[in-house]
Amino acid sequence: MDLVEQFSTDLFRLDGKVAIITGGASGLGQYYSKALIKSGVKVMVASFDEKGLDELKKFANENGSEIGFINRDVTAKNAAKDIVAATIEKFGQLDILINNAGIQIRNKWDEFKDEDWQKVIDINLTATYHLAHEAALVMAKSGGGKIINIGSMQSYRAGKFIFPYTASKHGVMGLTKAYADALASENIQVNVLAPGYIDTPMTKALQEDNERNTEILSHIPAGHWADPSELMGAIVFLASPASNYITGVTLPVDGGYLLR
């Protein structure tokens, strides 16, 4: 049988896999969790609070899956080790890591506080490094895996009021390339998912600012802010065997925003 005949949409299935998703019970993280759950994954949510957890547990139960939860600030000492260890203890394996936890702080350049810079870098970049490292140690021993880091349009562009966020998301792209190169021989693919402008409660202020909303929409060929569900197919693709020959890539899901 040749490779074409072997091809199947089952390559997009993830039955029996286990994933860690930081911040996976609320915001965009909940959509990543739901997408993987519907694809057959058991999910360990790592978060500093339980917001959205009950809803996600109900969703998992309705879809024949299971949720684990570990209450951790991803920037805490040994957090990455604890999160990975808790996942192995509960599910016995780790196949997918989604580094979703993140924060954004806005201010004028001459009023930005050093502590705010450090807070953003610690959550968005340093925690991503530590979790990728700990996950890769497990995945290398088990024959492979997928690490998906969450980027942003600010992985490509400037942000004159959010410099630590922009720096961190540029850093995530670079870190991903380095890990992708280092881990390819271990059959671990490392990629970035970069959401565009998504319709969430966090972006309501931008959407309600007529001038800024008009400016943003003028840059989106698709003509609308994305519904969060429009990220679900991309996260499943990057987590699945269908993307096994893709590594070190940043995938924008932006309605064409970066084209203009």
Protein backbone atom coordinates (compact mmCIF):
# COMPACT_ATOMS: atom_id res chain seq x y z
CA MET A 1 0.00 0.00 0.00
CA ASP A 2 1.45 3.38 -0.97
CA LEU A 3 1.39 6.48 1.22
CA VAL A 4 -1.54 8.04 -0.64
CA GLU A 5 -3.66 4.98 -0.01
CA GLN A 6 -2.64 5.04 3.65
CA PHE A 7 -3.78 8.63 4.10
CA SER A 8 -6.83 9.00 6.31
CA THR A 9 -8.60 11.79 8.15
CA ASP A 10 -7.85 9.67 11.23
CA LEU A 11 -4.52 11.51 11.17
CA PHE A 12 -6.42 14.43 12.69
CA ARG A 13 -7.73 12.27 15.57
CA LEU A 14 -6.00 12.29 18.93
CA ASP A 15 -7.68 9.41 20.73
CA GLY A 16 -5.82 8.27 23.82
CA LYS A 17 -3.49 11.30 23.90
CA VAL A 18 -2.86 13.44 26.97
CA ALA A 19 -2.31 17.21 26.91
CA ILE A 20 -1.28 19.92 29.34
CA ILE A 21 -2.93 23.27 28.61
CA THR A 22 -1.90 26.17 30.81
CA GLY A 23 -4.82 28.51 31.43
CA GLY A 24 -6.92 25.88 29.70
CA ALA A 25 -10.25 26.41 31.46
CA SER A 26 -11.01 30.01 30.54
CA GLY A 27 -10.56 32.49 27.71
CA LEU A 28 -9.07 31.15 24.51
CA GLY A 29 -7.55 28.30 26.50
CA GLN A 30 -10.98 26.82 27.03
CA TYR A 31 -11.49 26.63 23.26
CA TYR A 32 -8.15 24.84 22.86
CA SER A 33 -9.20 22.40 25.57
CA LYS A 34 -12.60 21.78 24.00
CA ALA A 35 -11.07 21.25 20.57
CA LEU A 36 -8.69 18.61 21.89
CA ILE A 37 -11.37 16.97 24.03
CA LYS A 38 -13.60 16.57 20.96
CA SER A 39 -10.60 14.97 19.22
CA GLY A 40 -10.19 12.34 21.95
CA VAL A 41 -7.67 13.95 24.30
CA LYS A 42 -7.54 13.87 28.10
CA VAL A 43 -6.57 17.34 29.31
CA MET A 44 -4.64 18.50 32.36
CA VAL A 45 -5.46 22.13 33.03
CA ALA A 46 -2.82 24.13 34.87
CA SER A 47 -4.06 27.45 36.22
CA PHE A 48 -3.79 29.76 39.21
CA ASP A 49 -7.60 29.69 39.61
CA GLU A 50 -10.57 27.46 38.80
CA LYS A 51 -12.44 29.88 36.54
CA GLY A 52 -14.32 27.93 33.87
CA LEU A 53 -13.27 24.55 35.27
CA ASP A 54 -16.76 23.25 36.10
CA GLU A 55 -17.99 24.05 32.59
CA LEU A 56 -14.98 22.30 31.07
CA LYS A 57 -15.43 19.22 33.24
CA LYS A 58 -19.06 18.99 32.13
CA PHE A 59 -18.01 19.34 28.50
CA ALA A 60 -15.40 16.61 28.89
CA ASN A 61 -17.90 14.27 30.51
CA GLU A 62 -20.42 14.87 27.72
CA ASN A 63 -17.73 14.02 25.16
CA GLY A 64 -16.42 10.90 26.89
CA SER A 65 -13.17 12.46 28.05
CA GLU A 66 -11.56 13.47 31.32
CA ILE A 67 -10.12 16.63 32.86
CA GLY A 68 -7.38 16.96 35.45
CA PHE A 69 -6.55 20.17 37.27
CA ILE A 70 -3.49 21.50 39.05
CA ASN A 71 -3.62 24.84 40.82
CA ARG A 72 -0.31 26.49 39.96
CA ASP A 73 1.04 29.89 39.06
CA VAL A 74 3.22 28.96 36.07
CA THR A 75 5.89 31.40 37.26
CA ALA A 76 6.25 29.79 40.70
CA LYS A 77 9.42 27.88 41.59
CA ASN A 78 9.27 24.29 40.30
CA ALA A 79 5.84 24.93 38.72
CA ALA A 80 6.81 23.26 35.44
CA LYS A 81 8.13 20.16 37.21
CA ASP A 82 4.99 19.98 39.38
CA ILE A 83 2.62 20.36 36.42
CA VAL A 84 4.32 17.67 34.36
CA ALA A 85 4.61 15.32 37.35
CA ALA A 86 0.92 15.76 38.20
CA THR A 87 -0.01 14.94 34.61
CA ILE A 88 2.06 11.76 34.58
CA GLU A 89 0.66 10.74 37.97
CA LYS A 90 -2.95 11.17 36.83
CA PHE A 91 -2.83 10.02 33.21
CA GLY A 92 0.41 8.05 32.94
CA GLN A 93 1.70 9.91 29.88
CA LEU A 94 2.18 13.28 28.20
CA ASP A 95 1.84 13.78 24.46
CA ILE A 96 0.90 17.44 23.93
CA LEU A 97 1.79 20.71 25.65
CA ILE A 98 -0.02 23.96 24.89
CA ASN A 99 1.70 26.94 26.49
CA ASN A 100 -1.34 29.21 26.58
CA ALA A 101 -1.04 31.12 29.88
CA GLY A 102 -0.22 34.76 29.26
CA ILE A 103 -0.71 38.33 30.34
CA GLN A 104 -0.69 41.78 28.75
CA ILE A 105 -0.05 45.08 30.56
CA ARG A 106 -0.46 48.42 28.77
CA ASN A 107 1.18 51.74 29.55
CA LYS A 108 3.01 54.65 27.94
CA TRP A 109 6.71 54.07 27.36
CA ASP A 110 7.82 56.68 29.90
CA GLU A 111 5.44 55.38 32.59
CA PHE A 112 6.10 51.67 32.30
CA LYS A 113 7.18 50.04 35.54
CA ASP A 114 10.09 47.61 35.74
CA GLU A 115 8.02 45.17 37.76
CA ASP A 116 5.36 45.07 35.05
CA TRP A 117 7.98 44.32 32.42
CA GLN A 118 9.28 41.44 34.53
CA LYS A 119 5.81 40.06 35.25
CA VAL A 120 4.91 39.83 31.56
CA ILE A 121 8.25 38.28 30.57
CA ASP A 122 8.06 35.76 33.42
CA ILE A 123 4.59 34.51 32.44
CA ASN A 124 4.71 34.77 28.66
CA LEU A 125 8.27 33.69 27.95
CA THR A 126 10.15 32.24 30.92
CA ALA A 127 7.32 29.92 31.97
CA THR A 128 6.98 28.81 28.34
CA TYR A 129 10.67 27.87 28.33
CA HIS A 130 10.49 25.88 31.57
CA LEU A 131 7.33 23.99 30.63
CA ALA A 132 8.65 23.14 27.17
CA HIS A 133 11.84 21.84 28.77
CA GLU A 134 10.06 19.61 31.30
CA ALA A 135 7.56 18.32 28.73
CA ALA A 136 10.32 17.54 26.24
CA LEU A 137 12.17 15.42 28.81
CA VAL A 138 9.10 13.19 29.08
CA MET A 139 8.23 13.20 25.38
CA ALA A 140 11.78 12.27 24.34
CA LYS A 141 11.62 9.14 26.50
CA SER A 142 8.21 8.12 25.13
CA GLY A 143 9.03 8.53 21.45
CA GLY A 144 7.79 12.02 20.59
CA GLY A 145 5.17 14.66 21.12
CA LYS A 146 3.84 18.09 20.25
CA ILE A 147 4.63 21.43 21.86
CA ILE A 148 2.44 24.34 20.80
CA ASN A 149 3.34 27.79 22.07
CA ILE A 150 0.81 30.60 21.77
CA GLY A 151 2.04 33.67 19.96
CA SER A 152 0.23 36.77 18.78
CA MET A 153 0.09 39.33 16.02
CA GLN A 154 2.73 40.99 18.24
CA SER A 155 5.04 38.10 17.39
CA TYR A 156 5.38 40.01 14.09
CA ARG A 157 4.41 43.60 14.80
CA ALA A 158 5.19 46.44 17.20
CA GLY A 159 3.04 47.45 20.13
CA LYS A 160 3.88 50.91 21.37
CA PHE A 161 1.93 50.53 24.61
CA ILE A 162 2.71 46.84 25.27
CA PHE A 163 6.48 46.50 24.81
CA PRO A 164 7.01 43.61 27.25
CA TYR A 165 4.15 41.72 25.61
CA THR A 166 5.61 42.37 22.14
CA ALA A 167 9.07 41.37 23.32
CA SER A 168 7.74 38.21 24.94
CA LYS A 169 5.78 37.14 21.87
CA HIS A 170 8.75 37.77 19.57
CA GLY A 171 10.71 35.72 22.07
CA VAL A 172 8.18 32.89 21.93
CA MET A 173 8.70 32.68 18.18
CA GLY A 174 12.48 32.52 18.56
CA LEU A 175 12.32 30.05 21.43
CA THR A 176 10.04 27.84 19.37
CA LYS A 177 12.51 27.76 16.46
CA ALA A 178 15.36 26.83 18.80
CA TYR A 179 13.40 24.02 20.42
CA ALA A 180 12.10 22.80 17.06
CA ASP A 181 15.66 22.43 15.82
CA ALA A 182 16.93 20.82 19.01
CA LEU A 183 14.04 18.38 19.43
CA ALA A 184 13.43 17.29 15.82
CA SER A 185 15.63 14.23 16.30
CA GLU A 186 13.44 13.24 19.26
CA ASN A 187 10.30 13.28 17.07
CA ILE A 188 8.98 16.30 18.96
CA GLN A 189 7.43 19.02 16.81
CA VAL A 190 7.39 22.53 18.24
CA ASN A 191 5.24 25.24 16.65
CA VAL A 192 3.48 28.51 17.41
CA LEU A 193 -0.20 29.30 16.99
CA ALA A 194 -0.58 33.07 16.55
CA PRO A 195 -4.20 34.25 16.99
CA GLY A 196 -5.27 37.41 15.23
CA TYR A 197 -7.94 39.75 16.55
CA ILE A 198 -10.42 37.52 18.39
CA ASP A 199 -13.87 38.47 19.71
CA THR A 200 -13.46 37.90 23.45
CA PRO A 201 -14.40 39.84 26.59
CA MET A 202 -10.78 41.04 26.78
CA THR A 203 -11.06 42.76 23.38
CA LYS A 204 -14.45 44.41 23.93
CA ALA A 205 -12.88 47.77 24.74
CA LEU A 206 -11.04 47.74 21.41
CA GLN A 207 -14.16 46.72 19.52
CA GLU A 208 -16.19 49.47 21.17
CA ASP A 209 -13.56 52.10 20.29
CA ASN A 210 -14.91 53.11 16.88
CA GLU A 211 -11.67 54.60 15.60
CA ARG A 212 -9.49 51.65 16.68
CA ASN A 213 -12.08 49.06 15.59
CA THR A 214 -12.28 50.63 12.13
CA GLU A 215 -8.48 50.65 11.88
CA ILE A 216 -8.25 46.98 12.87
CA LEU A 217 -11.01 45.84 10.52
CA SER A 218 -9.36 47.70 7.63
CA HIS A 219 -6.39 45.37 8.10
CA ILE A 220 -8.44 42.15 8.08
CA PRO A 221 -9.29 40.92 4.57
CA ALA A 222 -11.82 38.49 6.08
CA GLY A 223 -13.68 41.57 7.31
CA HIS A 224 -14.50 40.52 10.87
CA TRP A 225 -13.06 39.76 14.27
CA ALA A 226 -12.65 36.00 14.67
CA ASP A 227 -14.93 33.94 16.82
CA PRO A 228 -12.73 31.96 19.27
CA SER A 229 -14.00 28.73 17.76
CA GLU A 230 -12.13 29.63 14.56
CA LEU A 231 -8.89 28.72 16.35
CA MET A 232 -10.00 25.18 17.16
CA GLY A 233 -9.16 23.54 13.85
CA ALA A 234 -5.65 24.98 13.82
CA ILE A 235 -4.84 23.80 17.34
CA VAL A 236 -6.02 20.28 16.54
CA PHE A 237 -3.96 20.24 13.33
CA LEU A 238 -0.77 21.28 15.14
CA ALA A 239 -1.40 18.70 17.88
CA SER A 240 -2.17 15.85 15.49
CA PRO A 241 -0.11 13.40 13.41
CA ALA A 242 -1.33 15.32 10.33
CA SER A 243 1.33 17.95 11.13
CA ASN A 244 4.23 15.58 11.82
CA TYR A 245 6.49 17.15 9.17
CA ILE A 246 5.82 20.70 10.36
CA THR A 247 8.09 22.14 13.00
CA GLY A 248 9.48 25.56 13.90
CA VAL A 249 6.55 27.29 12.20
CA THR A 250 4.40 30.17 13.42
CA LEU A 251 0.87 29.73 12.11
CA PRO A 252 -1.17 32.97 12.05
CA VAL A 253 -4.93 32.49 12.37
CA ASP A 254 -5.75 36.08 11.57
CA GLY A 255 -8.19 36.36 8.66
CA GLY A 256 -5.32 37.77 6.60
CA TYR A 257 -4.45 40.60 9.01
CA LEU A 258 -0.72 40.32 8.34
CA LEU A 259 -1.24 40.72 4.60
CA ARG A 260 -1.94 44.44 4.91
